[in-house]
Amino acid sequence: MLPKGTSAAAYISRSLHRDRELVRTQTHIFELSIPVIAAVHGWCMGGGTWLALSCDITLASADAVFAQPEVRQISNSSFLWTLLAGHKNALRYA
């Protein structure tokens, strides 16, 4: 599963760096003074769901599918569902 010539430690390090960058982008979206609109068509999973949840308005096509595959491993975006949908609804969506 690892790219050729890559150690597991380097792969994990790059993954953590990408996660940090995504959180910075998400925070930036929260801090913008203009409305941010997400348009979702097709699959919106993992980090894509984070970004869609961070936007002020999310428009989804009829075939849009939102998913958090890492929810069973305690997702970092769990707090967003709770913040936006309330505790009971977040439990239901998870």
C-alpha atoms as a PDB file:
ATOM      1  CA  MET A   1       0.000   0.000   0.000  1.00  0.00           C
ATOM      2  CA  LEU A   2       2.958   2.332   0.513  1.00  0.00           C
ATOM      3  CA  PRO A   3       4.429   4.029  -2.552  1.00  0.00           C
ATOM      4  CA  LYS A   4       7.687   2.413  -3.674  1.00  0.00           C
ATOM      5  CA  GLY A   5      10.709   3.706  -1.805  1.00  0.00           C
ATOM      6  CA  THR A   6       8.651   5.254   0.994  1.00  0.00           C
ATOM      7  CA  SER A   7       8.969   4.283   4.622  1.00  0.00           C
ATOM      8  CA  ALA A   8       5.906   3.961   6.842  1.00  0.00           C
ATOM      9  CA  ALA A   9       7.190   6.805   9.042  1.00  0.00           C
ATOM     10  CA  ALA A  10       7.558   9.166   6.058  1.00  0.00           C
ATOM     11  CA  TYR A  11       4.097   8.234   4.782  1.00  0.00           C
ATOM     12  CA  ILE A  12       2.491   8.916   8.179  1.00  0.00           C
ATOM     13  CA  SER A  13       4.410  12.176   8.514  1.00  0.00           C
ATOM     14  CA  ARG A  14       3.129  13.405   5.136  1.00  0.00           C
ATOM     15  CA  SER A  15      -0.406  12.356   6.070  1.00  0.00           C
ATOM     16  CA  LEU A  16      -0.256  14.339   9.322  1.00  0.00           C
ATOM     17  CA  HIS A  17       1.111  17.362   7.441  1.00  0.00           C
ATOM     18  CA  ARG A  18      -1.794  17.194   4.949  1.00  0.00           C
ATOM     19  CA  ASP A  19      -4.273  16.994   7.849  1.00  0.00           C
ATOM     20  CA  ARG A  20      -2.741  20.113   9.429  1.00  0.00           C
ATOM     21  CA  GLU A  21      -2.995  21.959   6.112  1.00  0.00           C
ATOM     22  CA  LEU A  22      -6.651  20.973   5.800  1.00  0.00           C
ATOM     23  CA  VAL A  23      -7.380  22.302   9.294  1.00  0.00           C
ATOM     24  CA  ARG A  24      -5.643  25.584   8.374  1.00  0.00           C
ATOM     25  CA  THR A  25      -7.805  25.844   5.247  1.00  0.00           C
ATOM     26  CA  GLN A  26     -10.910  25.040   7.272  1.00  0.00           C
ATOM     27  CA  THR A  27     -10.040  27.706   9.847  1.00  0.00           C
ATOM     28  CA  HIS A  28      -9.420  30.214   7.069  1.00  0.00           C
ATOM     29  CA  ILE A  29     -12.893  29.519   5.645  1.00  0.00           C
ATOM     30  CA  PHE A  30     -14.426  30.089   9.097  1.00  0.00           C
ATOM     31  CA  GLU A  31     -12.654  33.454   9.413  1.00  0.00           C
ATOM     32  CA  LEU A  32     -13.593  34.896   5.998  1.00  0.00           C
ATOM     33  CA  SER A  33     -15.888  37.910   6.126  1.00  0.00           C
ATOM     34  CA  ILE A  34     -17.734  36.900   2.946  1.00  0.00           C
ATOM     35  CA  PRO A  35     -20.086  33.917   2.572  1.00  0.00           C
ATOM     36  CA  VAL A  36     -18.473  30.762   1.216  1.00  0.00           C
ATOM     37  CA  ILE A  37     -20.597  28.398  -0.885  1.00  0.00           C
ATOM     38  CA  ALA A  38     -19.737  24.744  -1.470  1.00  0.00           C
ATOM     39  CA  ALA A  39     -21.145  22.944  -4.514  1.00  0.00           C
ATOM     40  CA  VAL A  40     -21.051  19.156  -4.168  1.00  0.00           C
ATOM     41  CA  HIS A  41     -21.569  16.769  -7.056  1.00  0.00           C
ATOM     42  CA  GLY A  42     -20.829  13.069  -6.553  1.00  0.00           C
ATOM     43  CA  TRP A  43     -18.795  11.707  -3.652  1.00  0.00           C
ATOM     44  CA  CYS A  44     -17.779  14.042  -0.817  1.00  0.00           C
ATOM     45  CA  MET A  45     -15.751  12.019   1.669  1.00  0.00           C
ATOM     46  CA  GLY A  46     -13.300  12.659   4.493  1.00  0.00           C
ATOM     47  CA  GLY A  47     -11.590  16.029   4.028  1.00  0.00           C
ATOM     48  CA  GLY A  48     -14.133  17.037   1.408  1.00  0.00           C
ATOM     49  CA  THR A  49     -16.872  16.672   4.009  1.00  0.00           C
ATOM     50  CA  TRP A  50     -14.831  18.821   6.411  1.00  0.00           C
ATOM     51  CA  LEU A  51     -14.612  21.573   3.823  1.00  0.00           C
ATOM     52  CA  ALA A  52     -18.303  21.332   2.888  1.00  0.00           C
ATOM     53  CA  LEU A  53     -19.268  21.574   6.568  1.00  0.00           C
ATOM     54  CA  SER A  54     -17.008  24.607   6.988  1.00  0.00           C
ATOM     55  CA  CYS A  55     -18.812  26.599   4.296  1.00  0.00           C
ATOM     56  CA  ASP A  56     -21.727  28.906   5.035  1.00  0.00           C
ATOM     57  CA  ILE A  57     -23.938  27.285   2.392  1.00  0.00           C
ATOM     58  CA  THR A  58     -23.605  23.826   0.858  1.00  0.00           C
ATOM     59  CA  LEU A  59     -25.468  23.028  -2.345  1.00  0.00           C
ATOM     60  CA  ALA A  60     -25.638  19.331  -3.171  1.00  0.00           C
ATOM     61  CA  SER A  61     -26.732  17.714  -6.413  1.00  0.00           C
ATOM     62  CA  ALA A  62     -29.194  14.824  -6.348  1.00  0.00           C
ATOM     63  CA  ASP A  63     -26.326  12.323  -6.682  1.00  0.00           C
ATOM     64  CA  ALA A  64     -24.158  13.855  -3.923  1.00  0.00           C
ATOM     65  CA  VAL A  65     -23.001  11.381  -1.269  1.00  0.00           C
ATOM     66  CA  PHE A  66     -21.482  12.618   1.991  1.00  0.00           C
ATOM     67  CA  ALA A  67     -19.424  10.169   4.029  1.00  0.00           C
ATOM     68  CA  GLN A  68     -16.962  10.050   6.898  1.00  0.00           C
ATOM     69  CA  PRO A  69     -15.213   6.684   6.601  1.00  0.00           C
ATOM     70  CA  GLU A  70     -13.057   7.368   9.655  1.00  0.00           C
ATOM     71  CA  VAL A  71     -16.000   7.970  12.009  1.00  0.00           C
ATOM     72  CA  ARG A  72     -15.546   4.554  13.562  1.00  0.00           C
ATOM     73  CA  GLN A  73     -11.976   5.537  14.442  1.00  0.00           C
ATOM     74  CA  ILE A  74     -13.144   8.794  16.106  1.00  0.00           C
ATOM     75  CA  SER A  75     -13.127  11.369  13.327  1.00  0.00           C
ATOM     76  CA  ASN A  76     -11.654  14.832  13.767  1.00  0.00           C
ATOM     77  CA  SER A  77     -14.782  16.286  12.178  1.00  0.00           C
ATOM     78  CA  SER A  78     -17.123  14.932  14.867  1.00  0.00           C
ATOM     79  CA  PHE A  79     -17.127  18.333  16.554  1.00  0.00           C
ATOM     80  CA  LEU A  80     -18.403  19.965  13.345  1.00  0.00           C
ATOM     81  CA  TRP A  81     -21.450  17.698  13.189  1.00  0.00           C
ATOM     82  CA  THR A  82     -22.198  18.482  16.841  1.00  0.00           C
ATOM     83  CA  LEU A  83     -21.690  22.203  16.301  1.00  0.00           C
ATOM     84  CA  LEU A  84     -23.870  22.384  13.200  1.00  0.00           C
ATOM     85  CA  ALA A  85     -26.553  19.750  13.791  1.00  0.00           C
ATOM     86  CA  GLY A  86     -26.733  19.408  17.569  1.00  0.00           C
ATOM     87  CA  HIS A  87     -25.689  16.503  19.776  1.00  0.00           C
ATOM     88  CA  LYS A  88     -28.584  14.124  19.060  1.00  0.00           C
ATOM     89  CA  ASN A  89     -28.471  14.628  15.291  1.00  0.00           C
ATOM     90  CA  ALA A  90     -24.683  14.246  15.276  1.00  0.00           C
ATOM     91  CA  LEU A  91     -25.056  10.877  16.991  1.00  0.00           C
ATOM     92  CA  ARG A  92     -27.630   9.845  14.412  1.00  0.00           C
ATOM     93  CA  TYR A  93     -25.439  10.918  11.457  1.00  0.00           C
ATOM     94  CA  ALA A  94     -22.394   9.179  12.909  1.00  0.00           C
END
